[in-house]
Amino acid sequence: WIVGGDGWAYDIGYGGLDHVLANDLNVNVLVLDTEVYSNTGGQSSKASQAASIAKFAAGGKPTAKKDLGQIAMAYGHVYVAQIAMGADKNQTLKAIKEAESYKGPSLIIAYSPCVEHGIKGGLSNHQRTQAKAVECGYLALYRFDPRNEKPLTIDSKEPQWDKFQEFLMNETRYNQLTKLKGDDLSQKMFDKTKADAQKRYAELVKKLAD
């Protein structure tokens, strides 16, 4: 097992990660996705969502989050899963066991809230926050197992998109944007965050149907 953060996997070390996944090596990679450079001060990275505030994106990140899972699935021979333990512990365990048993490269992306998110009530609420993130469609839970005739399984329910903004407003990295940008501009940025999530989910659904 190789364990690393999103700054490494999505960004500064992506070339090395891509090289490993592109080969037929029996190696498992667990990415702790905090959507920010947590261990070096909270800088924005390619894993950061649009509209999120972080160092080097003090006015909210203008571009979408990189979809590392979809990129890895494109190879066809890589086991890929996206998990959030607070949303579904059984799915988390199932994905880890499947990755372990798969004789080839495996990538598990684990949504991992951190202090830089500014969750209301603090990180003691991170498990509940993960559940709400999946419920509103902020992220989807899935497993892509090349051993199956239909490799992709979407484990999360149809998103309740009407709860998306409520989820964003529960975190300082989003709710402070209105003070910086005003109601109109900040809402346009929040709408983009939601549209990005809807696009990622639509692509999963399309892949499921293929």
N, C-alpha and C. Protein backbone atom coordinates (compact mmCIF):
# COMPACT_ATOMS: atom_id res chain seq x y z
N TRP A 1 0.83 -1.20 0.00
CA TRP A 1 0.00 0.00 0.00
C TRP A 1 0.86 1.25 0.00
N ILE A 2 0.47 2.22 -0.82
CA ILE A 2 1.08 3.55 -0.84
C ILE A 2 0.01 4.52 -0.34
N VAL A 3 0.31 5.30 0.69
CA VAL A 3 -0.65 6.23 1.26
C VAL A 3 -0.12 7.65 1.11
N GLY A 4 -0.94 8.53 0.56
CA GLY A 4 -0.51 9.91 0.37
C GLY A 4 -1.69 10.86 0.35
N GLY A 5 -1.39 12.15 0.38
CA GLY A 5 -2.43 13.17 0.34
C GLY A 5 -2.76 13.60 -1.07
N ASP A 6 -3.78 14.45 -1.19
CA ASP A 6 -4.21 14.88 -2.52
C ASP A 6 -3.21 15.82 -3.17
N GLY A 7 -2.47 16.61 -2.39
CA GLY A 7 -1.46 17.49 -2.98
C GLY A 7 -0.44 16.69 -3.78
N TRP A 8 -0.08 15.54 -3.23
CA TRP A 8 0.84 14.63 -3.93
C TRP A 8 0.16 13.94 -5.11
N ALA A 9 -1.02 13.34 -4.86
CA ALA A 9 -1.65 12.49 -5.88
C ALA A 9 -2.22 13.28 -7.05
N TYR A 10 -2.84 14.41 -6.77
CA TYR A 10 -3.48 15.20 -7.83
C TYR A 10 -2.50 16.16 -8.50
N ASP A 11 -1.43 16.49 -7.79
CA ASP A 11 -0.65 17.66 -8.18
C ASP A 11 0.84 17.35 -8.33
N ILE A 12 1.61 17.61 -7.29
CA ILE A 12 3.08 17.58 -7.44
C ILE A 12 3.63 16.19 -7.74
N GLY A 13 2.93 15.13 -7.34
CA GLY A 13 3.42 13.78 -7.60
C GLY A 13 2.58 13.01 -8.60
N TYR A 14 1.68 13.72 -9.30
CA TYR A 14 0.75 13.04 -10.19
C TYR A 14 1.46 12.25 -11.29
N GLY A 15 2.55 12.80 -11.82
CA GLY A 15 3.27 12.10 -12.89
C GLY A 15 3.73 10.72 -12.44
N GLY A 16 4.24 10.64 -11.22
CA GLY A 16 4.69 9.35 -10.69
C GLY A 16 3.53 8.41 -10.43
N LEU A 17 2.43 8.95 -9.88
CA LEU A 17 1.25 8.13 -9.63
C LEU A 17 0.69 7.59 -10.94
N ASP A 18 0.59 8.44 -11.95
CA ASP A 18 0.09 8.02 -13.25
C ASP A 18 0.96 6.93 -13.85
N HIS A 19 2.27 7.04 -13.69
CA HIS A 19 3.20 6.03 -14.21
C HIS A 19 2.95 4.67 -13.55
N VAL A 20 2.72 4.69 -12.24
CA VAL A 20 2.46 3.44 -11.51
C VAL A 20 1.14 2.82 -11.95
N LEU A 21 0.08 3.64 -12.06
CA LEU A 21 -1.22 3.12 -12.45
C LEU A 21 -1.24 2.61 -13.89
N ALA A 22 -0.44 3.22 -14.74
CA ALA A 22 -0.41 2.84 -16.16
C ALA A 22 0.24 1.48 -16.38
N ASN A 23 1.05 1.03 -15.41
CA ASN A 23 1.69 -0.27 -15.51
C ASN A 23 0.82 -1.34 -14.85
N ASP A 24 1.15 -2.58 -15.12
CA ASP A 24 0.36 -3.69 -14.59
C ASP A 24 0.99 -4.21 -13.30
N LEU A 25 1.16 -3.31 -12.33
CA LEU A 25 1.80 -3.66 -11.06
C LEU A 25 0.75 -3.93 -10.00
N ASN A 26 1.00 -4.90 -9.13
CA ASN A 26 0.07 -5.20 -8.05
C ASN A 26 0.38 -4.28 -6.86
N VAL A 27 -0.12 -3.06 -6.97
CA VAL A 27 0.14 -2.06 -5.94
C VAL A 27 -1.16 -1.32 -5.62
N ASN A 28 -1.35 -1.00 -4.36
CA ASN A 28 -2.56 -0.31 -3.92
C ASN A 28 -2.21 1.11 -3.47
N VAL A 29 -2.99 2.08 -3.90
CA VAL A 29 -2.76 3.49 -3.55
C VAL A 29 -3.99 4.03 -2.84
N LEU A 30 -3.78 4.57 -1.63
CA LEU A 30 -4.85 5.21 -0.87
C LEU A 30 -4.56 6.70 -0.80
N VAL A 31 -5.47 7.49 -1.38
CA VAL A 31 -5.31 8.95 -1.39
C VAL A 31 -6.26 9.56 -0.35
N LEU A 32 -5.69 10.25 0.62
CA LEU A 32 -6.48 10.95 1.63
C LEU A 32 -6.78 12.34 1.07
N ASP A 33 -7.99 12.49 0.54
CA ASP A 33 -8.34 13.69 -0.22
C ASP A 33 -8.95 14.75 0.70
N THR A 34 -8.14 15.71 1.10
CA THR A 34 -8.62 16.82 1.93
C THR A 34 -8.98 18.04 1.09
N GLU A 35 -8.74 17.94 -0.23
CA GLU A 35 -9.04 19.03 -1.18
C GLU A 35 -8.20 20.28 -0.93
N VAL A 36 -7.07 20.11 -0.26
CA VAL A 36 -6.18 21.24 0.02
C VAL A 36 -4.84 20.68 0.48
N TYR A 37 -3.76 21.46 0.38
CA TYR A 37 -2.46 21.03 0.90
C TYR A 37 -2.47 21.15 2.42
N SER A 38 -2.98 20.14 3.10
CA SER A 38 -3.18 20.23 4.55
C SER A 38 -1.88 20.32 5.33
N ASN A 39 -0.87 19.57 4.91
CA ASN A 39 0.35 19.47 5.72
C ASN A 39 1.34 20.60 5.49
N THR A 40 1.04 21.53 4.59
CA THR A 40 1.98 22.63 4.35
C THR A 40 1.30 24.00 4.50
N GLY A 41 0.14 24.02 5.15
CA GLY A 41 -0.47 25.30 5.46
C GLY A 41 -1.79 25.60 4.80
N GLY A 42 -2.35 24.66 4.04
CA GLY A 42 -3.68 24.85 3.49
C GLY A 42 -3.74 25.57 2.17
N GLN A 43 -2.77 25.31 1.30
CA GLN A 43 -2.80 25.93 -0.03
C GLN A 43 -3.79 25.20 -0.94
N SER A 44 -4.32 25.94 -1.89
CA SER A 44 -5.21 25.35 -2.89
C SER A 44 -4.43 24.39 -3.79
N SER A 45 -5.09 23.31 -4.22
CA SER A 45 -4.45 22.35 -5.11
C SER A 45 -5.43 21.96 -6.21
N LYS A 46 -5.01 21.08 -7.11
CA LYS A 46 -5.90 20.61 -8.17
C LYS A 46 -7.06 19.80 -7.62
N ALA A 47 -6.97 19.39 -6.35
CA ALA A 47 -8.06 18.67 -5.71
C ALA A 47 -9.09 19.61 -5.10
N SER A 48 -8.77 20.89 -5.02
CA SER A 48 -9.70 21.87 -4.42
C SER A 48 -10.90 22.11 -5.33
N GLN A 49 -12.06 22.31 -4.72
CA GLN A 49 -13.28 22.56 -5.47
C GLN A 49 -13.37 24.03 -5.88
N ALA A 50 -14.11 24.29 -6.94
CA ALA A 50 -14.39 25.67 -7.33
C ALA A 50 -15.11 26.38 -6.19
N ALA A 51 -14.78 27.65 -6.00
CA ALA A 51 -15.36 28.54 -4.98
C ALA A 51 -14.76 28.36 -3.60
N SER A 52 -13.96 27.31 -3.38
CA SER A 52 -13.39 27.11 -2.05
C SER A 52 -12.24 28.09 -1.81
N ILE A 53 -12.19 28.61 -0.59
CA ILE A 53 -11.15 29.56 -0.19
C ILE A 53 -9.99 28.80 0.42
N ALA A 54 -8.80 29.11 -0.04
CA ALA A 54 -7.58 28.51 0.50
C ALA A 54 -6.42 29.45 0.18
N LYS A 55 -5.27 29.17 0.73
CA LYS A 55 -4.09 29.96 0.39
C LYS A 55 -3.81 29.81 -1.11
N PHE A 56 -3.49 30.91 -1.76
CA PHE A 56 -3.31 31.01 -3.21
C PHE A 56 -4.64 31.01 -3.96
N ALA A 57 -5.75 30.96 -3.19
CA ALA A 57 -7.09 31.10 -3.79
C ALA A 57 -7.96 31.84 -2.77
N ALA A 58 -7.47 32.99 -2.32
CA ALA A 58 -8.12 33.74 -1.25
C ALA A 58 -9.49 34.27 -1.66
N GLY A 59 -9.70 34.42 -2.97
CA GLY A 59 -10.99 34.88 -3.47
C GLY A 59 -11.86 33.76 -3.97
N GLY A 60 -11.53 32.51 -3.59
CA GLY A 60 -12.28 31.35 -4.07
C GLY A 60 -11.66 30.80 -5.34
N LYS A 61 -11.43 29.50 -5.40
CA LYS A 61 -10.81 28.88 -6.57
C LYS A 61 -11.75 28.99 -7.78
N PRO A 62 -11.27 29.45 -8.92
CA PRO A 62 -12.16 29.67 -10.07
C PRO A 62 -12.41 28.42 -10.91
N THR A 63 -11.59 27.39 -10.76
CA THR A 63 -11.69 26.23 -11.65
C THR A 63 -12.15 24.97 -10.91
N ALA A 64 -12.56 23.97 -11.68
CA ALA A 64 -13.14 22.75 -11.12
C ALA A 64 -12.08 21.84 -10.50
N LYS A 65 -12.55 20.97 -9.63
CA LYS A 65 -11.71 19.93 -9.04
C LYS A 65 -11.31 18.91 -10.10
N LYS A 66 -10.09 18.49 -10.10
CA LYS A 66 -9.61 17.45 -11.00
C LYS A 66 -10.28 16.13 -10.64
N ASP A 67 -10.77 15.41 -11.64
CA ASP A 67 -11.46 14.14 -11.39
C ASP A 67 -10.47 12.99 -11.55
N LEU A 68 -9.73 12.74 -10.48
CA LEU A 68 -8.67 11.73 -10.51
C LEU A 68 -9.24 10.33 -10.76
N GLY A 69 -10.41 10.06 -10.20
CA GLY A 69 -11.01 8.75 -10.37
C GLY A 69 -11.37 8.45 -11.82
N GLN A 70 -11.98 9.41 -12.50
CA GLN A 70 -12.35 9.21 -13.90
C GLN A 70 -11.11 9.04 -14.78
N ILE A 71 -10.07 9.78 -14.47
CA ILE A 71 -8.82 9.67 -15.23
C ILE A 71 -8.25 8.26 -15.10
N ALA A 72 -8.24 7.74 -13.87
CA ALA A 72 -7.69 6.40 -13.63
C ALA A 72 -8.56 5.32 -14.28
N MET A 73 -9.88 5.51 -14.24
CA MET A 73 -10.79 4.52 -14.85
C MET A 73 -10.58 4.41 -16.36
N ALA A 74 -10.12 5.48 -16.98
CA ALA A 74 -9.94 5.50 -18.43
C ALA A 74 -8.94 4.44 -18.90
N TYR A 75 -8.03 4.04 -18.02
CA TYR A 75 -7.06 3.01 -18.41
C TYR A 75 -7.74 1.66 -18.60
N GLY A 76 -8.79 1.40 -17.84
CA GLY A 76 -9.54 0.15 -18.00
C GLY A 76 -9.06 -0.98 -17.13
N HIS A 77 -7.78 -1.00 -16.75
CA HIS A 77 -7.24 -2.11 -15.97
C HIS A 77 -6.96 -1.73 -14.51
N VAL A 78 -7.35 -0.52 -14.10
CA VAL A 78 -7.09 -0.04 -12.74
C VAL A 78 -8.35 -0.17 -11.89
N TYR A 79 -8.22 -0.78 -10.71
CA TYR A 79 -9.33 -0.78 -9.76
C TYR A 79 -9.40 0.61 -9.14
N VAL A 80 -10.59 1.22 -9.16
CA VAL A 80 -10.75 2.58 -8.66
C VAL A 80 -11.97 2.64 -7.74
N ALA A 81 -11.84 3.30 -6.61
CA ALA A 81 -12.99 3.49 -5.72
C ALA A 81 -12.91 4.87 -5.09
N GLN A 82 -14.08 5.43 -4.82
CA GLN A 82 -14.17 6.67 -4.05
C GLN A 82 -15.00 6.37 -2.82
N ILE A 83 -14.44 6.70 -1.65
CA ILE A 83 -15.07 6.33 -0.40
C ILE A 83 -15.19 7.54 0.53
N ALA A 84 -16.10 7.43 1.50
CA ALA A 84 -16.23 8.42 2.58
C ALA A 84 -16.75 7.63 3.77
N MET A 85 -15.88 7.33 4.70
CA MET A 85 -16.21 6.41 5.79
C MET A 85 -17.43 6.86 6.58
N GLY A 86 -17.59 8.16 6.78
CA GLY A 86 -18.72 8.66 7.53
C GLY A 86 -20.05 8.50 6.81
N ALA A 87 -19.98 8.33 5.50
CA ALA A 87 -21.19 8.15 4.70
C ALA A 87 -21.60 6.69 4.59
N ASP A 88 -20.62 5.79 4.47
CA ASP A 88 -20.94 4.38 4.30
C ASP A 88 -19.72 3.54 4.70
N LYS A 89 -19.73 3.06 5.94
CA LYS A 89 -18.59 2.27 6.45
C LYS A 89 -18.46 0.94 5.72
N ASN A 90 -19.59 0.33 5.38
CA ASN A 90 -19.55 -0.96 4.68
C ASN A 90 -18.93 -0.81 3.30
N GLN A 91 -19.30 0.25 2.58
CA GLN A 91 -18.72 0.49 1.26
C GLN A 91 -17.22 0.74 1.36
N THR A 92 -16.82 1.46 2.40
CA THR A 92 -15.40 1.73 2.62
C THR A 92 -14.63 0.43 2.79
N LEU A 93 -15.12 -0.44 3.64
CA LEU A 93 -14.45 -1.72 3.90
C LEU A 93 -14.44 -2.59 2.66
N LYS A 94 -15.57 -2.62 1.94
CA LYS A 94 -15.67 -3.44 0.72
C LYS A 94 -14.65 -2.97 -0.32
N ALA A 95 -14.52 -1.66 -0.49
CA ALA A 95 -13.57 -1.12 -1.48
C ALA A 95 -12.13 -1.49 -1.12
N ILE A 96 -11.79 -1.37 0.15
CA ILE A 96 -10.42 -1.69 0.58
C ILE A 96 -10.13 -3.17 0.38
N LYS A 97 -11.09 -4.03 0.71
CA LYS A 97 -10.90 -5.48 0.53
C LYS A 97 -10.78 -5.84 -0.95
N GLU A 98 -11.60 -5.21 -1.80
CA GLU A 98 -11.53 -5.48 -3.23
C GLU A 98 -10.20 -5.01 -3.81
N ALA A 99 -9.76 -3.84 -3.39
CA ALA A 99 -8.47 -3.33 -3.88
C ALA A 99 -7.34 -4.26 -3.47
N GLU A 100 -7.40 -4.75 -2.25
CA GLU A 100 -6.37 -5.66 -1.73
C GLU A 100 -6.33 -6.96 -2.53
N SER A 101 -7.48 -7.45 -2.92
CA SER A 101 -7.54 -8.74 -3.62
C SER A 101 -7.25 -8.61 -5.11
N TYR A 102 -7.35 -7.42 -5.65
CA TYR A 102 -7.16 -7.21 -7.09
C TYR A 102 -5.67 -7.32 -7.46
N LYS A 103 -5.36 -8.16 -8.42
CA LYS A 103 -3.97 -8.39 -8.83
C LYS A 103 -3.58 -7.40 -9.92
N GLY A 104 -3.45 -6.17 -9.54
CA GLY A 104 -3.11 -5.10 -10.46
C GLY A 104 -3.12 -3.79 -9.69
N PRO A 105 -2.98 -2.67 -10.36
CA PRO A 105 -2.97 -1.38 -9.67
C PRO A 105 -4.36 -1.00 -9.16
N SER A 106 -4.42 -0.50 -7.95
CA SER A 106 -5.67 -0.06 -7.34
C SER A 106 -5.52 1.36 -6.80
N LEU A 107 -6.57 2.15 -6.95
CA LEU A 107 -6.58 3.51 -6.45
C LEU A 107 -7.86 3.73 -5.65
N ILE A 108 -7.71 4.10 -4.38
CA ILE A 108 -8.85 4.44 -3.55
C ILE A 108 -8.72 5.91 -3.14
N ILE A 109 -9.76 6.68 -3.43
CA ILE A 109 -9.79 8.11 -3.09
C ILE A 109 -10.73 8.25 -1.89
N ALA A 110 -10.16 8.64 -0.75
CA ALA A 110 -10.93 8.74 0.49
C ALA A 110 -11.16 10.20 0.86
N TYR A 111 -12.44 10.62 0.83
CA TYR A 111 -12.76 11.99 1.21
C TYR A 111 -12.42 12.18 2.68
N SER A 112 -11.57 13.17 2.98
CA SER A 112 -11.02 13.33 4.32
C SER A 112 -11.09 14.78 4.78
N PRO A 113 -12.21 15.18 5.40
CA PRO A 113 -12.31 16.56 5.91
C PRO A 113 -11.15 16.89 6.85
N CYS A 114 -10.69 18.14 6.80
CA CYS A 114 -9.59 18.57 7.66
C CYS A 114 -9.91 19.92 8.28
N VAL A 115 -9.05 20.37 9.17
CA VAL A 115 -9.30 21.61 9.91
C VAL A 115 -9.43 22.81 8.98
N GLU A 116 -8.78 22.76 7.82
CA GLU A 116 -8.83 23.87 6.87
C GLU A 116 -10.23 24.07 6.28
N HIS A 117 -11.09 23.09 6.39
CA HIS A 117 -12.46 23.24 5.87
C HIS A 117 -13.30 24.17 6.73
N GLY A 118 -12.94 24.27 8.00
CA GLY A 118 -13.72 25.14 8.89
C GLY A 118 -15.14 24.64 9.11
N ILE A 119 -15.29 23.34 9.38
CA ILE A 119 -16.61 22.75 9.60
C ILE A 119 -17.22 23.32 10.88
N LYS A 120 -18.50 23.71 10.80
CA LYS A 120 -19.18 24.21 11.99
C LYS A 120 -19.19 23.14 13.07
N GLY A 121 -18.76 23.51 14.26
CA GLY A 121 -18.69 22.55 15.35
C GLY A 121 -17.37 21.82 15.42
N GLY A 122 -16.50 22.04 14.44
CA GLY A 122 -15.18 21.42 14.46
C GLY A 122 -15.14 20.03 13.85
N LEU A 123 -13.95 19.43 13.87
CA LEU A 123 -13.74 18.13 13.23
C LEU A 123 -14.42 16.97 13.95
N SER A 124 -14.95 17.24 15.15
CA SER A 124 -15.74 16.18 15.80
C SER A 124 -16.97 15.84 14.98
N ASN A 125 -17.34 16.73 14.04
CA ASN A 125 -18.50 16.50 13.18
C ASN A 125 -18.11 15.97 11.79
N HIS A 126 -16.87 15.55 11.63
CA HIS A 126 -16.42 15.21 10.27
C HIS A 126 -17.13 13.99 9.70
N GLN A 127 -17.51 13.02 10.54
CA GLN A 127 -18.21 11.84 10.02
C GLN A 127 -19.59 12.24 9.48
N ARG A 128 -20.29 13.08 10.22
CA ARG A 128 -21.60 13.56 9.77
C ARG A 128 -21.45 14.41 8.51
N THR A 129 -20.38 15.18 8.46
CA THR A 129 -20.13 16.02 7.29
C THR A 129 -19.91 15.17 6.04
N GLN A 130 -19.20 14.06 6.18
CA GLN A 130 -18.99 13.16 5.04
C GLN A 130 -20.32 12.60 4.54
N ALA A 131 -21.19 12.25 5.46
CA ALA A 131 -22.50 11.72 5.08
C ALA A 131 -23.31 12.76 4.32
N LYS A 132 -23.27 14.00 4.78
CA LYS A 132 -24.00 15.08 4.12
C LYS A 132 -23.40 15.39 2.75
N ALA A 133 -22.07 15.27 2.62
CA ALA A 133 -21.42 15.52 1.34
C ALA A 133 -21.91 14.55 0.27
N VAL A 134 -22.08 13.30 0.67
CA VAL A 134 -22.57 12.28 -0.28
C VAL A 134 -24.05 12.46 -0.53
N GLU A 135 -24.81 12.78 0.50
CA GLU A 135 -26.26 12.95 0.37
C GLU A 135 -26.62 14.04 -0.64
N CYS A 136 -25.86 15.16 -0.64
CA CYS A 136 -26.20 16.29 -1.51
C CYS A 136 -25.52 16.21 -2.88
N GLY A 137 -24.65 15.21 -3.09
CA GLY A 137 -23.99 15.07 -4.38
C GLY A 137 -22.64 15.75 -4.49
N TYR A 138 -22.16 16.30 -3.38
CA TYR A 138 -20.83 16.93 -3.40
C TYR A 138 -19.78 15.92 -3.87
N LEU A 139 -19.95 14.69 -3.48
CA LEU A 139 -19.16 13.60 -4.05
C LEU A 139 -20.00 12.35 -4.09
N ALA A 140 -19.62 11.43 -4.96
CA ALA A 140 -20.33 10.16 -5.12
C ALA A 140 -19.44 9.02 -4.63
N LEU A 141 -20.08 7.98 -4.14
CA LEU A 141 -19.36 6.76 -3.75
C LEU A 141 -19.48 5.75 -4.88
N TYR A 142 -18.36 5.19 -5.28
CA TYR A 142 -18.40 4.22 -6.37
C TYR A 142 -17.22 3.26 -6.27
N ARG A 143 -17.35 2.15 -7.01
CA ARG A 143 -16.25 1.19 -7.17
C ARG A 143 -16.18 0.77 -8.64
N PHE A 144 -14.98 0.75 -9.18
CA PHE A 144 -14.76 0.33 -10.57
C PHE A 144 -13.82 -0.86 -10.52
N ASP A 145 -14.37 -2.05 -10.76
CA ASP A 145 -13.60 -3.30 -10.66
C ASP A 145 -13.48 -3.93 -12.05
N PRO A 146 -12.30 -3.89 -12.65
CA PRO A 146 -12.11 -4.43 -14.01
C PRO A 146 -12.42 -5.91 -14.13
N ARG A 147 -12.51 -6.62 -13.02
CA ARG A 147 -12.80 -8.06 -13.07
C ARG A 147 -14.27 -8.33 -13.43
N ASN A 148 -15.12 -7.34 -13.26
CA ASN A 148 -16.56 -7.53 -13.50
C ASN A 148 -16.93 -7.20 -14.94
N GLU A 149 -17.97 -7.87 -15.44
CA GLU A 149 -18.45 -7.60 -16.80
C GLU A 149 -18.90 -6.14 -16.91
N LYS A 150 -19.60 -5.66 -15.88
CA LYS A 150 -19.96 -4.24 -15.75
C LYS A 150 -19.10 -3.69 -14.61
N PRO A 151 -17.95 -3.09 -14.94
CA PRO A 151 -16.98 -2.74 -13.90
C PRO A 151 -17.47 -1.73 -12.86
N LEU A 152 -18.31 -0.78 -13.28
CA LEU A 152 -18.66 0.32 -12.39
C LEU A 152 -19.91 0.03 -11.56
N THR A 153 -19.80 0.34 -10.26
CA THR A 153 -20.94 0.31 -9.35
C THR A 153 -21.00 1.65 -8.64
N ILE A 154 -22.14 2.33 -8.72
CA ILE A 154 -22.34 3.56 -7.96
C ILE A 154 -23.04 3.17 -6.66
N ASP A 155 -22.35 3.37 -5.53
CA ASP A 155 -22.85 2.92 -4.24
C ASP A 155 -23.71 3.94 -3.52
N SER A 156 -23.60 5.20 -3.88
CA SER A 156 -24.40 6.24 -3.22
C SER A 156 -25.74 6.40 -3.94
N LYS A 157 -26.71 6.95 -3.20
CA LYS A 157 -28.04 7.16 -3.75
C LYS A 157 -28.06 8.38 -4.68
N GLU A 158 -29.14 8.52 -5.42
CA GLU A 158 -29.33 9.70 -6.27
C GLU A 158 -29.19 10.95 -5.40
N PRO A 159 -28.32 11.88 -5.80
CA PRO A 159 -28.06 13.06 -4.96
C PRO A 159 -29.30 13.93 -4.77
N GLN A 160 -29.40 14.51 -3.58
CA GLN A 160 -30.44 15.50 -3.28
C GLN A 160 -29.82 16.88 -3.51
N TRP A 161 -29.86 17.30 -4.76
CA TRP A 161 -29.14 18.51 -5.16
C TRP A 161 -29.65 19.76 -4.44
N ASP A 162 -30.89 19.73 -3.97
CA ASP A 162 -31.43 20.89 -3.27
C ASP A 162 -30.75 21.14 -1.92
N LYS A 163 -29.97 20.15 -1.45
CA LYS A 163 -29.25 20.30 -0.19
C LYS A 163 -27.79 20.72 -0.38
N PHE A 164 -27.40 20.95 -1.65
CA PHE A 164 -26.00 21.21 -1.97
C PHE A 164 -25.51 22.51 -1.31
N GLN A 165 -26.26 23.58 -1.47
CA GLN A 165 -25.84 24.87 -0.93
C GLN A 165 -25.79 24.85 0.60
N GLU A 166 -26.72 24.16 1.21
CA GLU A 166 -26.72 24.03 2.67
C GLU A 166 -25.43 23.37 3.14
N PHE A 167 -24.99 22.37 2.39
CA PHE A 167 -23.72 21.70 2.73
C PHE A 167 -22.55 22.67 2.65
N LEU A 168 -22.50 23.45 1.56
CA LEU A 168 -21.41 24.40 1.39
C LEU A 168 -21.38 25.41 2.53
N MET A 169 -22.53 25.88 2.93
CA MET A 169 -22.61 26.93 3.96
C MET A 169 -22.24 26.44 5.35
N ASN A 170 -22.04 25.13 5.49
CA ASN A 170 -21.63 24.57 6.78
C ASN A 170 -20.12 24.65 6.98
N GLU A 171 -19.40 25.17 5.97
CA GLU A 171 -17.95 25.21 6.03
C GLU A 171 -17.43 26.62 5.75
N THR A 172 -16.47 27.03 6.56
CA THR A 172 -15.90 28.39 6.44
C THR A 172 -15.27 28.62 5.07
N ARG A 173 -14.69 27.59 4.49
CA ARG A 173 -14.00 27.76 3.21
C ARG A 173 -14.96 28.19 2.10
N TYR A 174 -16.25 27.98 2.32
CA TYR A 174 -17.26 28.43 1.37
C TYR A 174 -18.07 29.62 1.89
N ASN A 175 -18.53 29.56 3.13
CA ASN A 175 -19.47 30.59 3.58
C ASN A 175 -18.83 31.97 3.74
N GLN A 176 -17.50 32.03 3.80
CA GLN A 176 -16.83 33.33 3.90
C GLN A 176 -16.76 34.05 2.54
N LEU A 177 -17.08 33.31 1.48
CA LEU A 177 -16.97 33.89 0.15
C LEU A 177 -17.96 35.03 -0.06
N THR A 178 -19.11 34.95 0.59
CA THR A 178 -20.11 36.01 0.43
C THR A 178 -19.59 37.34 0.98
N LYS A 179 -18.79 37.28 2.04
CA LYS A 179 -18.22 38.50 2.61
C LYS A 179 -17.15 39.10 1.70
N LEU A 180 -16.48 38.22 0.96
CA LEU A 180 -15.40 38.66 0.07
C LEU A 180 -15.92 39.14 -1.29
N LYS A 181 -16.93 38.45 -1.81
CA LYS A 181 -17.37 38.68 -3.19
C LYS A 181 -18.76 39.30 -3.30
N GLY A 182 -19.50 39.32 -2.19
CA GLY A 182 -20.88 39.78 -2.27
C GLY A 182 -21.81 38.63 -2.66
N ASP A 183 -23.09 38.84 -2.48
CA ASP A 183 -24.07 37.77 -2.70
C ASP A 183 -24.13 37.29 -4.14
N ASP A 184 -24.15 38.19 -5.09
CA ASP A 184 -24.35 37.81 -6.49
C ASP A 184 -23.18 37.01 -7.05
N LEU A 185 -21.97 37.54 -6.89
CA LEU A 185 -20.80 36.87 -7.45
C LEU A 185 -20.51 35.56 -6.73
N SER A 186 -20.65 35.57 -5.41
CA SER A 186 -20.41 34.33 -4.67
C SER A 186 -21.41 33.26 -5.07
N GLN A 187 -22.67 33.63 -5.32
CA GLN A 187 -23.67 32.66 -5.72
C GLN A 187 -23.33 32.05 -7.08
N LYS A 188 -22.82 32.86 -7.99
CA LYS A 188 -22.40 32.34 -9.28
C LYS A 188 -21.29 31.30 -9.11
N MET A 189 -20.38 31.55 -8.17
CA MET A 189 -19.29 30.61 -7.91
C MET A 189 -19.80 29.33 -7.26
N PHE A 190 -20.77 29.48 -6.33
CA PHE A 190 -21.37 28.30 -5.71
C PHE A 190 -22.13 27.47 -6.74
N ASP A 191 -22.79 28.15 -7.67
CA ASP A 191 -23.51 27.45 -8.74
C ASP A 191 -22.56 26.64 -9.60
N LYS A 192 -21.36 27.18 -9.80
CA LYS A 192 -20.36 26.44 -10.57
C LYS A 192 -19.91 25.18 -9.82
N THR A 193 -19.70 25.32 -8.51
CA THR A 193 -19.31 24.17 -7.70
C THR A 193 -20.35 23.05 -7.85
N LYS A 194 -21.62 23.43 -7.79
CA LYS A 194 -22.71 22.46 -7.93
C LYS A 194 -22.75 21.89 -9.34
N ALA A 195 -22.59 22.74 -10.35
CA ALA A 195 -22.60 22.28 -11.75
C ALA A 195 -21.45 21.31 -12.01
N ASP A 196 -20.29 21.58 -11.41
CA ASP A 196 -19.15 20.68 -11.55
C ASP A 196 -19.48 19.30 -10.98
N ALA A 197 -20.10 19.29 -9.79
CA ALA A 197 -20.47 18.03 -9.14
C ALA A 197 -21.51 17.28 -9.97
N GLN A 198 -22.47 18.02 -10.53
CA GLN A 198 -23.49 17.39 -11.37
C GLN A 198 -22.88 16.79 -12.64
N LYS A 199 -21.88 17.47 -13.18
CA LYS A 199 -21.21 16.96 -14.37
C LYS A 199 -20.45 15.68 -14.05
N ARG A 200 -19.74 15.66 -12.91
CA ARG A 200 -19.01 14.45 -12.52
C ARG A 200 -19.97 13.28 -12.32
N TYR A 201 -21.12 13.56 -11.69
CA TYR A 201 -22.09 12.49 -11.44
C TYR A 201 -22.70 12.00 -12.75
N ALA A 202 -23.01 12.92 -13.65
CA ALA A 202 -23.58 12.55 -14.95
C ALA A 202 -22.62 11.67 -15.74
N GLU A 203 -21.34 11.95 -15.63
CA GLU A 203 -20.34 11.14 -16.34
C GLU A 203 -20.27 9.73 -15.75
N LEU A 204 -20.44 9.64 -14.43
CA LEU A 204 -20.49 8.31 -13.80
C LEU A 204 -21.70 7.53 -14.29
N VAL A 205 -22.85 8.17 -14.29
CA VAL A 205 -24.09 7.53 -14.74
C VAL A 205 -23.98 7.08 -16.19
N LYS A 206 -23.38 7.90 -17.01
CA LYS A 206 -23.18 7.56 -18.42
C LYS A 206 -22.27 6.35 -18.56
N LYS A 207 -21.20 6.33 -17.75
CA LYS A 207 -20.28 5.18 -17.78
C LYS A 207 -20.98 3.91 -17.31
N LEU A 208 -21.88 4.06 -16.36
CA LEU A 208 -22.63 2.92 -15.84
C LEU A 208 -23.52 2.33 -16.93
N ALA A 209 -24.04 3.19 -17.79
CA ALA A 209 -24.95 2.76 -18.84
C ALA A 209 -24.23 2.18 -20.05
N ASP A 210 -22.97 2.52 -20.23
CA ASP A 210 -22.21 2.07 -21.41
C ASP A 210 -22.01 0.55 -21.40
